[in-house]
Amino acid sequence: MKNINILVGFLLFFIVCNAQEKPEIGENTADLPSHYRSFGQKIAASESLSDQEMALKFDMLGANDTLNTKFTATVTDVCQSKGCWMKLALNDKEVMVRFKDYGFFVPMDISGKEVVVNGKAFVEAMGIEDQKHYAKDGGQSAAQIAKITEPKKTYSFEADGVLLKE
């Protein structure tokens, strides 16, 4: 009888562990129109702000403010090491997008393509070393990297989900 109780306990433990929802990492294609590829958390393209609307929202953010939002924009640059960050065009500015908990990456060849990103927008002062790191990841020359000499105010975004328009 003791062995049956142990077996039943083991089976229940196994069922409960497998039933827990696991976070999605990488590409996610379930329940999407055929013209989108999904990365990270599942999101919908509907109700996203335009790049112009998002630029206005960023202009209203102060230091230490965050805004949960979703917007559509064009990719201008992508990390050429792993696809672990990307930059998006917002009118005459750019927004630096990183991925929540370093949990997923995007393809490195998506510059010029449209994406929908969902997550948290914020404004930060990016330090010199961080700027140089991202410039190196972006494939900039040593001469370009050497020109980085002071912190700069950047529009930043931590995405938990990305849709790539095909």
C-alpha atoms as a PDB file:
ATOM      1  CA  MET A   1       0.000   0.000   0.000  1.00  0.00           C
ATOM      2  CA  LYS A   2       2.889   2.337   0.803  1.00  0.00           C
ATOM      3  CA  ASN A   3       4.332   1.814  -2.695  1.00  0.00           C
ATOM      4  CA  ILE A   4       0.971   2.686  -4.304  1.00  0.00           C
ATOM      5  CA  ASN A   5       0.793   5.941  -2.312  1.00  0.00           C
ATOM      6  CA  ILE A   6       4.310   6.851  -3.421  1.00  0.00           C
ATOM      7  CA  LEU A   7       3.430   6.043  -7.043  1.00  0.00           C
ATOM      8  CA  VAL A   8       0.215   8.118  -6.906  1.00  0.00           C
ATOM      9  CA  GLY A   9       2.119  11.032  -5.311  1.00  0.00           C
ATOM     10  CA  PHE A  10       4.795  10.847  -8.007  1.00  0.00           C
ATOM     11  CA  LEU A  11       2.194  10.796 -10.792  1.00  0.00           C
ATOM     12  CA  LEU A  12       0.328  13.781  -9.320  1.00  0.00           C
ATOM     13  CA  PHE A  13       3.583  15.712  -9.006  1.00  0.00           C
ATOM     14  CA  PHE A  14       4.461  14.909 -12.627  1.00  0.00           C
ATOM     15  CA  ILE A  15       1.011  15.995 -13.884  1.00  0.00           C
ATOM     16  CA  VAL A  16       1.088  19.269 -11.930  1.00  0.00           C
ATOM     17  CA  CYS A  17       4.602  20.145 -13.112  1.00  0.00           C
ATOM     18  CA  ASN A  18       3.734  19.522 -16.770  1.00  0.00           C
ATOM     19  CA  ALA A  19       0.491  21.494 -16.535  1.00  0.00           C
ATOM     20  CA  GLN A  20       2.239  24.713 -15.495  1.00  0.00           C
ATOM     21  CA  GLU A  21       2.501  27.272 -18.285  1.00  0.00           C
ATOM     22  CA  LYS A  22       6.067  27.755 -19.464  1.00  0.00           C
ATOM     23  CA  PRO A  23       7.248  31.103 -20.847  1.00  0.00           C
ATOM     24  CA  GLU A  24       7.642  31.311 -24.606  1.00  0.00           C
ATOM     25  CA  ILE A  25      11.193  31.921 -25.777  1.00  0.00           C
ATOM     26  CA  GLY A  26      12.071  32.611 -29.377  1.00  0.00           C
ATOM     27  CA  GLU A  27       9.716  32.468 -32.305  1.00  0.00           C
ATOM     28  CA  ASN A  28       6.040  31.987 -31.575  1.00  0.00           C
ATOM     29  CA  THR A  29       3.704  31.228 -34.509  1.00  0.00           C
ATOM     30  CA  ALA A  30       0.472  29.938 -32.965  1.00  0.00           C
ATOM     31  CA  ASP A  31      -2.755  31.856 -33.723  1.00  0.00           C
ATOM     32  CA  LEU A  32      -1.144  34.510 -35.941  1.00  0.00           C
ATOM     33  CA  PRO A  33      -2.125  35.778 -39.363  1.00  0.00           C
ATOM     34  CA  SER A  34       0.305  34.395 -41.931  1.00  0.00           C
ATOM     35  CA  HIS A  35       1.928  37.782 -42.499  1.00  0.00           C
ATOM     36  CA  TYR A  36       3.422  38.024 -38.957  1.00  0.00           C
ATOM     37  CA  ARG A  37       6.140  36.168 -37.080  1.00  0.00           C
ATOM     38  CA  SER A  38       6.035  36.387 -33.304  1.00  0.00           C
ATOM     39  CA  PHE A  39       8.878  36.498 -30.780  1.00  0.00           C
ATOM     40  CA  GLY A  40       8.576  36.429 -26.986  1.00  0.00           C
ATOM     41  CA  GLN A  41       5.155  36.734 -25.408  1.00  0.00           C
ATOM     42  CA  LYS A  42       2.106  36.318 -27.647  1.00  0.00           C
ATOM     43  CA  ILE A  43       0.692  39.707 -28.622  1.00  0.00           C
ATOM     44  CA  ALA A  44      -1.862  40.994 -31.131  1.00  0.00           C
ATOM     45  CA  ALA A  45      -1.167  43.653 -33.755  1.00  0.00           C
ATOM     46  CA  SER A  46      -4.471  45.403 -33.053  1.00  0.00           C
ATOM     47  CA  GLU A  47      -4.670  48.612 -31.033  1.00  0.00           C
ATOM     48  CA  SER A  48      -0.999  49.516 -31.456  1.00  0.00           C
ATOM     49  CA  LEU A  49       0.022  53.157 -31.613  1.00  0.00           C
ATOM     50  CA  SER A  50       1.690  54.560 -34.732  1.00  0.00           C
ATOM     51  CA  ASP A  51       5.317  55.687 -34.612  1.00  0.00           C
ATOM     52  CA  GLN A  52       4.161  59.341 -34.636  1.00  0.00           C
ATOM     53  CA  GLU A  53       1.801  58.757 -31.684  1.00  0.00           C
ATOM     54  CA  MET A  54       4.556  56.948 -29.790  1.00  0.00           C
ATOM     55  CA  ALA A  55       7.037  59.777 -30.404  1.00  0.00           C
ATOM     56  CA  LEU A  56       4.569  62.163 -28.725  1.00  0.00           C
ATOM     57  CA  LYS A  57       4.195  59.773 -25.776  1.00  0.00           C
ATOM     58  CA  PHE A  58       7.991  59.604 -25.365  1.00  0.00           C
ATOM     59  CA  ASP A  59       8.220  63.414 -25.449  1.00  0.00           C
ATOM     60  CA  MET A  60       5.838  63.544 -22.461  1.00  0.00           C
ATOM     61  CA  LEU A  61       7.818  61.022 -20.386  1.00  0.00           C
ATOM     62  CA  GLY A  62      10.145  62.338 -17.712  1.00  0.00           C
ATOM     63  CA  ALA A  63      13.010  60.636 -15.921  1.00  0.00           C
ATOM     64  CA  ASN A  64      11.817  57.614 -13.914  1.00  0.00           C
ATOM     65  CA  ASP A  65       8.464  57.489 -15.783  1.00  0.00           C
ATOM     66  CA  THR A  66       7.372  54.281 -17.494  1.00  0.00           C
ATOM     67  CA  LEU A  67       4.501  53.633 -19.830  1.00  0.00           C
ATOM     68  CA  ASN A  68       3.018  50.224 -20.690  1.00  0.00           C
ATOM     69  CA  THR A  69       2.193  50.400 -24.383  1.00  0.00           C
ATOM     70  CA  LYS A  70       2.269  48.799 -27.817  1.00  0.00           C
ATOM     71  CA  PHE A  71       3.350  50.514 -31.029  1.00  0.00           C
ATOM     72  CA  THR A  72       4.283  49.902 -34.654  1.00  0.00           C
ATOM     73  CA  ALA A  73       7.543  51.205 -36.159  1.00  0.00           C
ATOM     74  CA  THR A  74      10.281  50.437 -38.676  1.00  0.00           C
ATOM     75  CA  VAL A  75      13.520  48.723 -37.624  1.00  0.00           C
ATOM     76  CA  THR A  76      16.620  50.845 -38.287  1.00  0.00           C
ATOM     77  CA  ASP A  77      19.304  48.661 -36.680  1.00  0.00           C
ATOM     78  CA  VAL A  78      19.680  45.231 -35.044  1.00  0.00           C
ATOM     79  CA  CYS A  79      22.382  43.677 -32.857  1.00  0.00           C
ATOM     80  CA  GLN A  80      24.644  41.816 -35.280  1.00  0.00           C
ATOM     81  CA  SER A  81      25.988  39.507 -32.563  1.00  0.00           C
ATOM     82  CA  LYS A  82      22.747  37.751 -31.549  1.00  0.00           C
ATOM     83  CA  GLY A  83      19.711  39.886 -32.403  1.00  0.00           C
ATOM     84  CA  CYS A  84      19.463  40.816 -28.711  1.00  0.00           C
ATOM     85  CA  TRP A  85      18.385  44.446 -29.312  1.00  0.00           C
ATOM     86  CA  MET A  86      17.025  46.619 -32.094  1.00  0.00           C
ATOM     87  CA  LYS A  87      16.476  50.291 -32.834  1.00  0.00           C
ATOM     88  CA  LEU A  88      13.191  51.624 -34.197  1.00  0.00           C
ATOM     89  CA  ALA A  89      12.483  54.877 -36.069  1.00  0.00           C
ATOM     90  CA  LEU A  90      10.229  57.420 -34.335  1.00  0.00           C
ATOM     91  CA  ASN A  91       9.926  60.446 -36.627  1.00  0.00           C
ATOM     92  CA  ASP A  92      13.387  62.060 -36.381  1.00  0.00           C
ATOM     93  CA  LYS A  93      14.402  60.022 -33.303  1.00  0.00           C
ATOM     94  CA  GLU A  94      15.166  56.399 -32.475  1.00  0.00           C
ATOM     95  CA  VAL A  95      14.072  54.118 -29.677  1.00  0.00           C
ATOM     96  CA  MET A  96      16.409  51.446 -28.301  1.00  0.00           C
ATOM     97  CA  VAL A  97      14.496  48.190 -27.768  1.00  0.00           C
ATOM     98  CA  ARG A  98      15.802  45.453 -25.496  1.00  0.00           C
ATOM     99  CA  PHE A  99      14.001  42.206 -24.760  1.00  0.00           C
ATOM    100  CA  LYS A 100      12.587  41.361 -21.343  1.00  0.00           C
ATOM    101  CA  ASP A 101      14.872  39.177 -19.245  1.00  0.00           C
ATOM    102  CA  TYR A 102      17.053  38.577 -22.342  1.00  0.00           C
ATOM    103  CA  GLY A 103      14.398  35.927 -23.020  1.00  0.00           C
ATOM    104  CA  PHE A 104      14.260  36.031 -26.826  1.00  0.00           C
ATOM    105  CA  PHE A 105      16.048  37.439 -29.858  1.00  0.00           C
ATOM    106  CA  VAL A 106      14.971  38.728 -33.270  1.00  0.00           C
ATOM    107  CA  PRO A 107      16.549  37.916 -36.656  1.00  0.00           C
ATOM    108  CA  MET A 108      19.604  40.025 -37.475  1.00  0.00           C
ATOM    109  CA  ASP A 109      18.442  40.844 -41.022  1.00  0.00           C
ATOM    110  CA  ILE A 110      15.239  42.784 -40.298  1.00  0.00           C
ATOM    111  CA  SER A 111      16.432  46.376 -40.806  1.00  0.00           C
ATOM    112  CA  GLY A 112      13.823  48.247 -42.828  1.00  0.00           C
ATOM    113  CA  LYS A 113      10.991  45.918 -41.776  1.00  0.00           C
ATOM    114  CA  GLU A 114       7.931  46.866 -39.745  1.00  0.00           C
ATOM    115  CA  VAL A 115       7.424  45.494 -36.234  1.00  0.00           C
ATOM    116  CA  VAL A 116       4.855  45.763 -33.466  1.00  0.00           C
ATOM    117  CA  VAL A 117       6.391  45.840 -29.985  1.00  0.00           C
ATOM    118  CA  ASN A 118       4.614  45.466 -26.654  1.00  0.00           C
ATOM    119  CA  GLY A 119       6.141  46.393 -23.299  1.00  0.00           C
ATOM    120  CA  LYS A 120       7.425  49.337 -21.249  1.00  0.00           C
ATOM    121  CA  ALA A 121       8.604  52.675 -22.623  1.00  0.00           C
ATOM    122  CA  PHE A 122      10.968  54.883 -20.610  1.00  0.00           C
ATOM    123  CA  VAL A 123      13.597  57.602 -21.007  1.00  0.00           C
ATOM    124  CA  GLU A 124      17.135  57.053 -19.742  1.00  0.00           C
ATOM    125  CA  ALA A 125      20.594  58.584 -19.845  1.00  0.00           C
ATOM    126  CA  MET A 126      22.766  55.989 -21.586  1.00  0.00           C
ATOM    127  CA  GLY A 127      26.353  55.948 -20.318  1.00  0.00           C
ATOM    128  CA  ILE A 128      29.436  56.077 -22.531  1.00  0.00           C
ATOM    129  CA  GLU A 129      30.366  52.410 -22.024  1.00  0.00           C
ATOM    130  CA  ASP A 130      26.848  51.218 -22.874  1.00  0.00           C
ATOM    131  CA  GLN A 131      26.821  53.375 -26.018  1.00  0.00           C
ATOM    132  CA  LYS A 132      30.175  51.924 -27.085  1.00  0.00           C
ATOM    133  CA  HIS A 133      28.957  48.372 -26.384  1.00  0.00           C
ATOM    134  CA  TYR A 134      25.850  48.830 -28.548  1.00  0.00           C
ATOM    135  CA  ALA A 135      27.866  50.554 -31.278  1.00  0.00           C
ATOM    136  CA  LYS A 136      30.242  47.562 -31.378  1.00  0.00           C
ATOM    137  CA  ASP A 137      27.286  45.120 -31.490  1.00  0.00           C
ATOM    138  CA  GLY A 138      25.828  47.195 -34.322  1.00  0.00           C
ATOM    139  CA  GLY A 139      28.988  46.753 -36.384  1.00  0.00           C
ATOM    140  CA  GLN A 140      30.277  50.343 -36.195  1.00  0.00           C
ATOM    141  CA  SER A 141      33.959  51.014 -36.870  1.00  0.00           C
ATOM    142  CA  ALA A 142      36.526  51.703 -34.144  1.00  0.00           C
ATOM    143  CA  ALA A 143      36.727  55.331 -35.345  1.00  0.00           C
ATOM    144  CA  GLN A 144      32.963  55.783 -34.921  1.00  0.00           C
ATOM    145  CA  ILE A 145      33.057  54.157 -31.487  1.00  0.00           C
ATOM    146  CA  ALA A 146      35.923  56.443 -30.390  1.00  0.00           C
ATOM    147  CA  LYS A 147      33.720  59.500 -31.107  1.00  0.00           C
ATOM    148  CA  ILE A 148      31.380  58.501 -28.250  1.00  0.00           C
ATOM    149  CA  THR A 149      32.502  60.723 -25.380  1.00  0.00           C
ATOM    150  CA  GLU A 150      29.437  61.724 -23.335  1.00  0.00           C
ATOM    151  CA  PRO A 151      26.214  60.226 -21.977  1.00  0.00           C
ATOM    152  CA  LYS A 152      23.114  60.769 -24.096  1.00  0.00           C
ATOM    153  CA  LYS A 153      19.389  60.871 -23.434  1.00  0.00           C
ATOM    154  CA  THR A 154      17.742  57.911 -25.118  1.00  0.00           C
ATOM    155  CA  TYR A 155      14.253  56.658 -25.662  1.00  0.00           C
ATOM    156  CA  SER A 156      14.213  53.082 -24.415  1.00  0.00           C
ATOM    157  CA  PHE A 157      11.773  50.210 -24.541  1.00  0.00           C
ATOM    158  CA  GLU A 158      11.705  46.814 -22.847  1.00  0.00           C
ATOM    159  CA  ALA A 159       9.698  44.514 -25.101  1.00  0.00           C
ATOM    160  CA  ASP A 160       8.001  41.396 -23.810  1.00  0.00           C
ATOM    161  CA  GLY A 161       6.622  40.555 -27.255  1.00  0.00           C
ATOM    162  CA  VAL A 162       7.427  41.426 -30.879  1.00  0.00           C
ATOM    163  CA  LEU A 163       5.510  40.861 -34.112  1.00  0.00           C
ATOM    164  CA  LEU A 164       7.548  41.012 -37.305  1.00  0.00           C
ATOM    165  CA  LYS A 165       5.544  41.883 -40.414  1.00  0.00           C
ATOM    166  CA  GLU A 166       6.545  39.631 -43.296  1.00  0.00           C
END
